[in-house]
Structure formats: C-alpha cells, structure tokens
C-alpha cells in the first residue's frame, strides 16, 4: 500500500513540475515577444525545438547521425 502511495505521489509531483515548466515557458515567451506576431513566432520555434529534442521527431538512434545539429552532446554519457 505504501508503494502505491509513493508511486502516486511521484506521478503527482511530476505532473506539478511539468505544469510549472509549461507555465514558465509560456510566460517567458510572452515576455520576450511583446507583440502578437513576435510571440507567435517564438512560440512556434520553441515547440519545434521541444519536439525535435524531445524524441518525437529525432529518435535516440538518429541523433548521432544528425551530429551537425549539436544535440548529440545531450546523449553522451
């Protein structure tokens, strides 16, 4: 029973952390781009970077092939 509570607490803590990170990114983009056009451009670029580096577009095996992007240093041990 304690194991299930710890697991639930860890998942809830992760949910809160991801929510805080998303809110901070939203506020940062809004503060950086004061006009609607600039904020939309920055937001689209941030989503592109998050998808590319998050593993949705580039898988772990493809990252070493795309070494010119400079993302292989993230996966080095």
PDB file of N, CA and C in Angstrom:
ATOM      1  N   UNK A   1       0.822  -1.194   0.000  1.00  0.00           N
ATOM      2  CA  UNK A   1       0.000   0.000   0.000  1.00  0.00           C
ATOM      3  C   UNK A   1       0.862   1.253   0.000  1.00  0.00           C
ATOM      4  N   UNK A   2       1.952   1.204   0.765  1.00  0.00           N
ATOM      5  CA  UNK A   2       2.858   2.345   0.814  1.00  0.00           C
ATOM      6  C   UNK A   2       3.517   2.565  -0.540  1.00  0.00           C
ATOM      7  N   UNK A   3       3.805   1.462  -1.256  1.00  0.00           N
ATOM      8  CA  UNK A   3       4.406   1.566  -2.576  1.00  0.00           C
ATOM      9  C   UNK A   3       3.480   2.312  -3.537  1.00  0.00           C
ATOM     10  N   UNK A   4       2.185   2.021  -3.469  1.00  0.00           N
ATOM     11  CA  UNK A   4       1.230   2.690  -4.358  1.00  0.00           C
ATOM     12  C   UNK A   4       1.116   4.174  -4.034  1.00  0.00           C
ATOM     13  N   UNK A   5       1.153   4.505  -2.738  1.00  0.00           N
ATOM     14  CA  UNK A   5       1.101   5.912  -2.355  1.00  0.00           C
ATOM     15  C   UNK A   5       2.341   6.661  -2.827  1.00  0.00           C
ATOM     16  N   UNK A   6       3.506   6.043  -2.680  1.00  0.00           N
ATOM     17  CA  UNK A   6       4.751   6.677  -3.145  1.00  0.00           C
ATOM     18  C   UNK A   6       4.732   6.863  -4.658  1.00  0.00           C
ATOM     19  N   UNK A   7       4.233   5.868  -5.361  1.00  0.00           N
ATOM     20  CA  UNK A   7       4.147   5.969  -6.814  1.00  0.00           C
ATOM     21  C   UNK A   7       3.175   7.082  -7.234  1.00  0.00           C
ATOM     22  N   UNK A   8       2.036   7.169  -6.566  1.00  0.00           N
ATOM     23  CA  UNK A   8       1.073   8.223  -6.844  1.00  0.00           C
ATOM     24  C   UNK A   8       1.669   9.598  -6.545  1.00  0.00           C
ATOM     25  N   UNK A   9       2.380   9.711  -5.446  1.00  0.00           N
ATOM     26  CA  UNK A   9       2.999  10.980  -5.082  1.00  0.00           C
ATOM     27  C   UNK A   9       4.053  11.394  -6.098  1.00  0.00           C
ATOM     28  N   UNK A  10       4.865  10.450  -6.569  1.00  0.00           N
ATOM     29  CA  UNK A  10       5.883  10.759  -7.574  1.00  0.00           C
ATOM     30  C   UNK A  10       5.247  11.220  -8.881  1.00  0.00           C
ATOM     31  N   UNK A  11       4.178  10.548  -9.289  1.00  0.00           N
ATOM     32  CA  UNK A  11       3.499  10.945 -10.524  1.00  0.00           C
ATOM     33  C   UNK A  11       2.847  12.320 -10.382  1.00  0.00           C
ATOM     34  N   UNK A  12       2.266  12.597  -9.212  1.00  0.00           N
ATOM     35  CA  UNK A  12       1.668  13.902  -8.989  1.00  0.00           C
ATOM     36  C   UNK A  12       2.738  14.986  -8.958  1.00  0.00           C
ATOM     37  N   UNK A  13       3.877  14.703  -8.340  1.00  0.00           N
ATOM     38  CA  UNK A  13       4.976  15.654  -8.311  1.00  0.00           C
ATOM     39  C   UNK A  13       5.501  15.928  -9.713  1.00  0.00           C
ATOM     40  N   UNK A  14       5.585  14.904 -10.537  1.00  0.00           N
ATOM     41  CA  UNK A  14       5.999  15.086 -11.925  1.00  0.00           C
ATOM     42  C   UNK A  14       4.983  15.918 -12.692  1.00  0.00           C
ATOM     43  N   UNK A  15       3.707  15.693 -12.468  1.00  0.00           N
ATOM     44  CA  UNK A  15       2.664  16.474 -13.112  1.00  0.00           C
ATOM     45  C   UNK A  15       2.753  17.948 -12.735  1.00  0.00           C
ATOM     46  N   UNK A  16       2.974  18.227 -11.454  1.00  0.00           N
ATOM     47  CA  UNK A  16       3.103  19.612 -10.999  1.00  0.00           C
ATOM     48  C   UNK A  16       4.354  20.256 -11.587  1.00  0.00           C
ATOM     49  N   UNK A  17       5.457  19.517 -11.657  1.00  0.00           N
ATOM     50  CA  UNK A  17       6.701  20.058 -12.208  1.00  0.00           C
ATOM     51  C   UNK A  17       6.555  20.382 -13.686  1.00  0.00           C
ATOM     52  N   UNK A  18       5.923  19.505 -14.445  1.00  0.00           N
ATOM     53  CA  UNK A  18       5.722  19.755 -15.871  1.00  0.00           C
ATOM     54  C   UNK A  18       4.778  20.932 -16.079  1.00  0.00           C
ATOM     55  N   UNK A  19       3.764  21.049 -15.237  1.00  0.00           N
ATOM     56  CA  UNK A  19       2.841  22.174 -15.331  1.00  0.00           C
ATOM     57  C   UNK A  19       3.552  23.491 -15.036  1.00  0.00           C
ATOM     58  N   UNK A  20       4.404  23.510 -14.026  1.00  0.00           N
ATOM     59  CA  UNK A  20       5.161  24.721 -13.712  1.00  0.00           C
ATOM     60  C   UNK A  20       6.119  25.095 -14.839  1.00  0.00           C
ATOM     61  N   UNK A  21       6.739  24.084 -15.445  1.00  0.00           N
ATOM     62  CA  UNK A  21       7.668  24.338 -16.539  1.00  0.00           C
ATOM     63  C   UNK A  21       6.936  24.894 -17.758  1.00  0.00           C
ATOM     64  N   UNK A  22       5.764  24.356 -18.054  1.00  0.00           N
ATOM     65  CA  UNK A  22       4.986  24.851 -19.184  1.00  0.00           C
ATOM     66  C   UNK A  22       4.501  26.273 -18.932  1.00  0.00           C
ATOM     67  N   UNK A  23       4.089  26.557 -17.715  1.00  0.00           N
ATOM     68  CA  UNK A  23       3.651  27.913 -17.378  1.00  0.00           C
ATOM     69  C   UNK A  23       4.811  28.901 -17.464  1.00  0.00           C
ATOM     70  N   UNK A  24       5.975  28.502 -16.996  1.00  0.00           N
ATOM     71  CA  UNK A  24       7.149  29.377 -17.066  1.00  0.00           C
ATOM     72  C   UNK A  24       7.556  29.636 -18.516  1.00  0.00           C
ATOM     73  N   UNK A  25       7.493  28.609 -19.357  1.00  0.00           N
ATOM     74  CA  UNK A  25       7.828  28.789 -20.772  1.00  0.00           C
ATOM     75  C   UNK A  25       6.829  29.717 -21.445  1.00  0.00           C
ATOM     76  N   UNK A  26       5.551  29.574 -21.110  1.00  0.00           N
ATOM     77  CA  UNK A  26       4.519  30.441 -21.670  1.00  0.00           C
ATOM     78  C   UNK A  26       4.751  31.894 -21.264  1.00  0.00           C
ATOM     79  N   UNK A  27       5.060  32.119 -19.995  1.00  0.00           N
ATOM     80  CA  UNK A  27       5.295  33.486 -19.520  1.00  0.00           C
ATOM     81  C   UNK A  27       6.575  34.064 -20.104  1.00  0.00           C
ATOM     82  N   UNK A  28       7.609  33.231 -20.286  1.00  0.00           N
ATOM     83  CA  UNK A  28       8.866  33.694 -20.871  1.00  0.00           C
ATOM     84  C   UNK A  28       8.665  34.120 -22.315  1.00  0.00           C
ATOM     85  N   UNK A  29       7.949  33.319 -23.079  1.00  0.00           N
ATOM     86  CA  UNK A  29       7.702  33.663 -24.482  1.00  0.00           C
ATOM     87  C   UNK A  29       6.834  34.915 -24.577  1.00  0.00           C
ATOM     88  N   UNK A  30       5.848  35.031 -23.692  1.00  0.00           N
ATOM     89  CA  UNK A  30       5.012  36.225 -23.685  1.00  0.00           C
ATOM     90  C   UNK A  30       5.784  37.481 -23.308  1.00  0.00           C
ATOM     91  N   UNK A  31       6.733  37.348 -22.390  1.00  0.00           N
ATOM     92  CA  UNK A  31       7.538  38.499 -22.000  1.00  0.00           C
ATOM     93  C   UNK A  31       8.594  38.855 -23.018  1.00  0.00           C
ATOM     94  N   UNK A  32       9.111  37.848 -23.701  1.00  0.00           N
ATOM     95  CA  UNK A  32      10.159  38.093 -24.694  1.00  0.00           C
ATOM     96  C   UNK A  32       9.595  38.745 -25.946  1.00  0.00           C
ATOM     97  N   UNK A  33       8.467  38.258 -26.401  1.00  0.00           N
ATOM     98  CA  UNK A  33       7.840  38.850 -27.576  1.00  0.00           C
ATOM     99  C   UNK A  33       6.630  39.651 -27.163  1.00  0.00           C
ATOM    100  N   UNK A  34       6.757  40.952 -27.154  1.00  0.00           N
ATOM    101  CA  UNK A  34       5.679  41.800 -26.653  1.00  0.00           C
ATOM    102  C   UNK A  34       4.513  41.873 -27.627  1.00  0.00           C
ATOM    103  N   UNK A  35       4.776  41.788 -28.913  1.00  0.00           N
ATOM    104  CA  UNK A  35       3.673  41.837 -29.872  1.00  0.00           C
ATOM    105  C   UNK A  35       3.194  40.420 -30.182  1.00  0.00           C
ATOM    106  N   UNK A  36       2.019  40.335 -30.760  1.00  0.00           N
ATOM    107  CA  UNK A  36       1.418  39.025 -31.031  1.00  0.00           C
ATOM    108  C   UNK A  36       2.203  38.269 -32.095  1.00  0.00           C
ATOM    109  N   UNK A  37       2.726  38.948 -33.089  1.00  0.00           N
ATOM    110  CA  UNK A  37       3.453  38.291 -34.174  1.00  0.00           C
ATOM    111  C   UNK A  37       4.765  37.701 -33.660  1.00  0.00           C
ATOM    112  N   UNK A  38       5.486  38.479 -32.871  1.00  0.00           N
ATOM    113  CA  UNK A  38       6.778  38.001 -32.344  1.00  0.00           C
ATOM    114  C   UNK A  38       6.565  36.855 -31.362  1.00  0.00           C
ATOM    115  N   UNK A  39       5.557  36.968 -30.505  1.00  0.00           N
ATOM    116  CA  UNK A  39       5.286  35.901 -29.543  1.00  0.00           C
ATOM    117  C   UNK A  39       4.864  34.617 -30.249  1.00  0.00           C
ATOM    118  N   UNK A  40       4.087  34.732 -31.316  1.00  0.00           N
ATOM    119  CA  UNK A  40       3.674  33.553 -32.087  1.00  0.00           C
ATOM    120  C   UNK A  40       4.874  32.902 -32.759  1.00  0.00           C
ATOM    121  N   UNK A  41       5.788  33.712 -33.286  1.00  0.00           N
ATOM    122  CA  UNK A  41       6.995  33.170 -33.912  1.00  0.00           C
ATOM    123  C   UNK A  41       7.868  32.463 -32.892  1.00  0.00           C
ATOM    124  N   UNK A  42       8.081  33.098 -31.739  1.00  0.00           N
ATOM    125  CA  UNK A  42       8.887  32.475 -30.686  1.00  0.00           C
ATOM    126  C   UNK A  42       8.233  31.194 -30.172  1.00  0.00           C
ATOM    127  N   UNK A  43       6.918  31.210 -30.037  1.00  0.00           N
ATOM    128  CA  UNK A  43       6.216  30.014 -29.576  1.00  0.00           C
ATOM    129  C   UNK A  43       6.322  28.857 -30.542  1.00  0.00           C
ATOM    130  N   UNK A  44       6.205  29.143 -31.827  1.00  0.00           N
ATOM    131  CA  UNK A  44       6.348  28.087 -32.834  1.00  0.00           C
ATOM    132  C   UNK A  44       7.763  27.529 -32.837  1.00  0.00           C
ATOM    133  N   UNK A  45       8.749  28.412 -32.689  1.00  0.00           N
ATOM    134  CA  UNK A  45      10.140  27.959 -32.649  1.00  0.00           C
ATOM    135  C   UNK A  45      10.404  27.129 -31.392  1.00  0.00           C
ATOM    136  N   UNK A  46       9.827  27.525 -30.268  1.00  0.00           N
ATOM    137  CA  UNK A  46      10.007  26.757 -29.030  1.00  0.00           C
ATOM    138  C   UNK A  46       9.377  25.375 -29.150  1.00  0.00           C
ATOM    139  N   UNK A  47       8.201  25.289 -29.758  1.00  0.00           N
ATOM    140  CA  UNK A  47       7.582  23.974 -29.972  1.00  0.00           C
ATOM    141  C   UNK A  47       8.404  23.110 -30.912  1.00  0.00           C
ATOM    142  N   UNK A  48       8.978  23.720 -31.946  1.00  0.00           N
ATOM    143  CA  UNK A  48       9.841  22.974 -32.865  1.00  0.00           C
ATOM    144  C   UNK A  48      11.048  22.408 -32.147  1.00  0.00           C
ATOM    145  N   UNK A  49      11.679  23.216 -31.304  1.00  0.00           N
ATOM    146  CA  UNK A  49      12.843  22.752 -30.545  1.00  0.00           C
ATOM    147  C   UNK A  49      12.446  21.659 -29.550  1.00  0.00           C
ATOM    148  N   UNK A  50      11.315  21.843 -28.866  1.00  0.00           N
ATOM    149  CA  UNK A  50      10.879  20.830 -27.900  1.00  0.00           C
ATOM    150  C   UNK A  50      10.548  19.507 -28.568  1.00  0.00           C
ATOM    151  N   UNK A  51       9.897  19.550 -29.719  1.00  0.00           N
ATOM    152  CA  UNK A  51       9.572  18.309 -30.414  1.00  0.00           C
ATOM    153  C   UNK A  51      10.829  17.645 -30.974  1.00  0.00           C
ATOM    154  N   UNK A  52      11.752  18.430 -31.507  1.00  0.00           N
ATOM    155  CA  UNK A  52      12.963  17.855 -32.089  1.00  0.00           C
ATOM    156  C   UNK A  52      13.850  17.228 -31.022  1.00  0.00           C
ATOM    157  N   UNK A  53      14.029  17.926 -29.904  1.00  0.00           N
ATOM    158  CA  UNK A  53      14.924  17.414 -28.868  1.00  0.00           C
ATOM    159  C   UNK A  53      14.225  16.471 -27.898  1.00  0.00           C
ATOM    160  N   UNK A  54      12.902  16.423 -27.929  1.00  0.00           N
ATOM    161  CA  UNK A  54      12.177  15.576 -27.004  1.00  0.00           C
ATOM    162  C   UNK A  54      12.039  14.141 -27.450  1.00  0.00           C
ATOM    163  N   UNK A  55      12.437  13.814 -28.660  1.00  0.00           N
ATOM    164  CA  UNK A  55      12.368  12.450 -29.140  1.00  0.00           C
ATOM    165  C   UNK A  55      11.167  12.164 -30.022  1.00  0.00           C
ATOM    166  N   UNK A  56      10.335  13.162 -30.294  1.00  0.00           N
ATOM    167  CA  UNK A  56       9.195  12.937 -31.164  1.00  0.00           C
ATOM    168  C   UNK A  56       9.603  12.935 -32.629  1.00  0.00           C
ATOM    169  N   UNK A  57      10.529  13.799 -32.997  1.00  0.00           N
ATOM    170  CA  UNK A  57      10.961  13.912 -34.386  1.00  0.00           C
ATOM    171  C   UNK A  57      12.251  13.135 -34.600  1.00  0.00           C
ATOM    172  N   UNK A  58      13.242  13.370 -33.752  1.00  0.00           N
ATOM    173  CA  UNK A  58      14.531  12.683 -33.854  1.00  0.00           C
ATOM    174  C   UNK A  58      14.600  11.630 -32.758  1.00  0.00           C
ATOM    175  N   UNK A  59      14.693  10.372 -33.153  1.00  0.00           N
ATOM    176  CA  UNK A  59      14.827   9.320 -32.148  1.00  0.00           C
ATOM    177  C   UNK A  59      16.262   9.276 -31.635  1.00  0.00           C
ATOM    178  N   UNK A  60      16.484   8.479 -30.610  1.00  0.00           N
ATOM    179  CA  UNK A  60      17.807   8.412 -29.987  1.00  0.00           C
ATOM    180  C   UNK A  60      18.853   7.893 -30.973  1.00  0.00           C
ATOM    181  N   UNK A  61      18.478   6.961 -31.827  1.00  0.00           N
ATOM    182  CA  UNK A  61      19.428   6.423 -32.796  1.00  0.00           C
ATOM    183  C   UNK A  61      19.766   7.389 -33.911  1.00  0.00           C
ATOM    184  N   UNK A  62      18.848   8.290 -34.245  1.00  0.00           N
ATOM    185  CA  UNK A  62      19.082   9.242 -35.325  1.00  0.00           C
ATOM    186  C   UNK A  62      19.876  10.458 -34.872  1.00  0.00           C
ATOM    187  N   UNK A  63      20.002  10.669 -33.577  1.00  0.00           N
ATOM    188  CA  UNK A  63      20.662  11.872 -33.080  1.00  0.00           C
ATOM    189  C   UNK A  63      22.133  11.858 -33.436  1.00  0.00           C
ATOM    190  N   UNK A  64      22.775  10.704 -33.362  1.00  0.00           N
ATOM    191  CA  UNK A  64      24.198  10.649 -33.696  1.00  0.00           C
ATOM    192  C   UNK A  64      24.415  10.904 -35.184  1.00  0.00           C
ATOM    193  N   UNK A  65      23.432  10.573 -36.023  1.00  0.00           N
ATOM    194  CA  UNK A  65      23.554  10.844 -37.454  1.00  0.00           C
ATOM    195  C   UNK A  65      23.464  12.345 -37.724  1.00  0.00           C
ATOM    196  N   UNK A  66      22.610  13.036 -36.995  1.00  0.00           N
ATOM    197  CA  UNK A  66      22.466  14.475 -37.156  1.00  0.00           C
ATOM    198  C   UNK A  66      23.413  15.205 -36.199  1.00  0.00           C
ATOM    199  N   UNK A  67      24.683  14.885 -36.275  1.00  0.00           N
ATOM    200  CA  UNK A  67      25.661  15.477 -35.368  1.00  0.00           C
ATOM    201  C   UNK A  67      25.864  16.949 -35.594  1.00  0.00           C
ATOM    202  N   UNK A  68      25.578  17.431 -36.794  1.00  0.00           N
ATOM    203  CA  UNK A  68      25.785  18.843 -37.075  1.00  0.00           C
ATOM    204  C   UNK A  68      24.810  19.722 -36.311  1.00  0.00           C
ATOM    205  N   UNK A  69      23.737  19.165 -35.776  1.00  0.00           N
ATOM    206  CA  UNK A  69      22.784  19.964 -35.016  1.00  0.00           C
ATOM    207  C   UNK A  69      23.280  20.257 -33.602  1.00  0.00           C
ATOM    208  N   UNK A  70      24.266  19.522 -33.153  1.00  0.00           N
ATOM    209  CA  UNK A  70      24.816  19.756 -31.826  1.00  0.00           C
ATOM    210  C   UNK A  70      24.001  19.158 -30.705  1.00  0.00           C
ATOM    211  N   UNK A  71      23.105  18.231 -31.007  1.00  0.00           N
ATOM    212  CA  UNK A  71      22.287  17.643 -29.950  1.00  0.00           C
ATOM    213  C   UNK A  71      22.870  16.338 -29.444  1.00  0.00           C
ATOM    214  N   UNK A  72      23.936  15.847 -30.054  1.00  0.00           N
ATOM    215  CA  UNK A  72      24.484  14.576 -29.604  1.00  0.00           C
ATOM    216  C   UNK A  72      25.182  14.726 -28.264  1.00  0.00           C
ATOM    217  N   UNK A  73      25.548  15.941 -27.883  1.00  0.00           N
ATOM    218  CA  UNK A  73      26.186  16.122 -26.582  1.00  0.00           C
ATOM    219  C   UNK A  73      25.217  15.881 -25.430  1.00  0.00           C
ATOM    220  N   UNK A  74      23.920  15.960 -25.694  1.00  0.00           N
ATOM    221  CA  UNK A  74      22.914  15.695 -24.658  1.00  0.00           C
ATOM    222  C   UNK A  74      22.938  14.214 -24.285  1.00  0.00           C
ATOM    223  N   UNK A  75      23.154  13.349 -25.260  1.00  0.00           N
ATOM    224  CA  UNK A  75      23.038  11.913 -25.037  1.00  0.00           C
ATOM    225  C   UNK A  75      24.368  11.246 -24.724  1.00  0.00           C
ATOM    226  N   UNK A  76      25.453  12.001 -24.602  1.00  0.00           N
ATOM    227  CA  UNK A  76      26.736  11.403 -24.264  1.00  0.00           C
ATOM    228  C   UNK A  76      26.760  11.066 -22.786  1.00  0.00           C
ATOM    229  N   UNK A  77      27.385   9.974 -22.455  1.00  0.00           N
ATOM    230  CA  UNK A  77      27.421   9.510 -21.054  1.00  0.00           C
ATOM    231  C   UNK A  77      28.606  10.094 -20.333  1.00  0.00           C
TER     232      UNK A  77
END
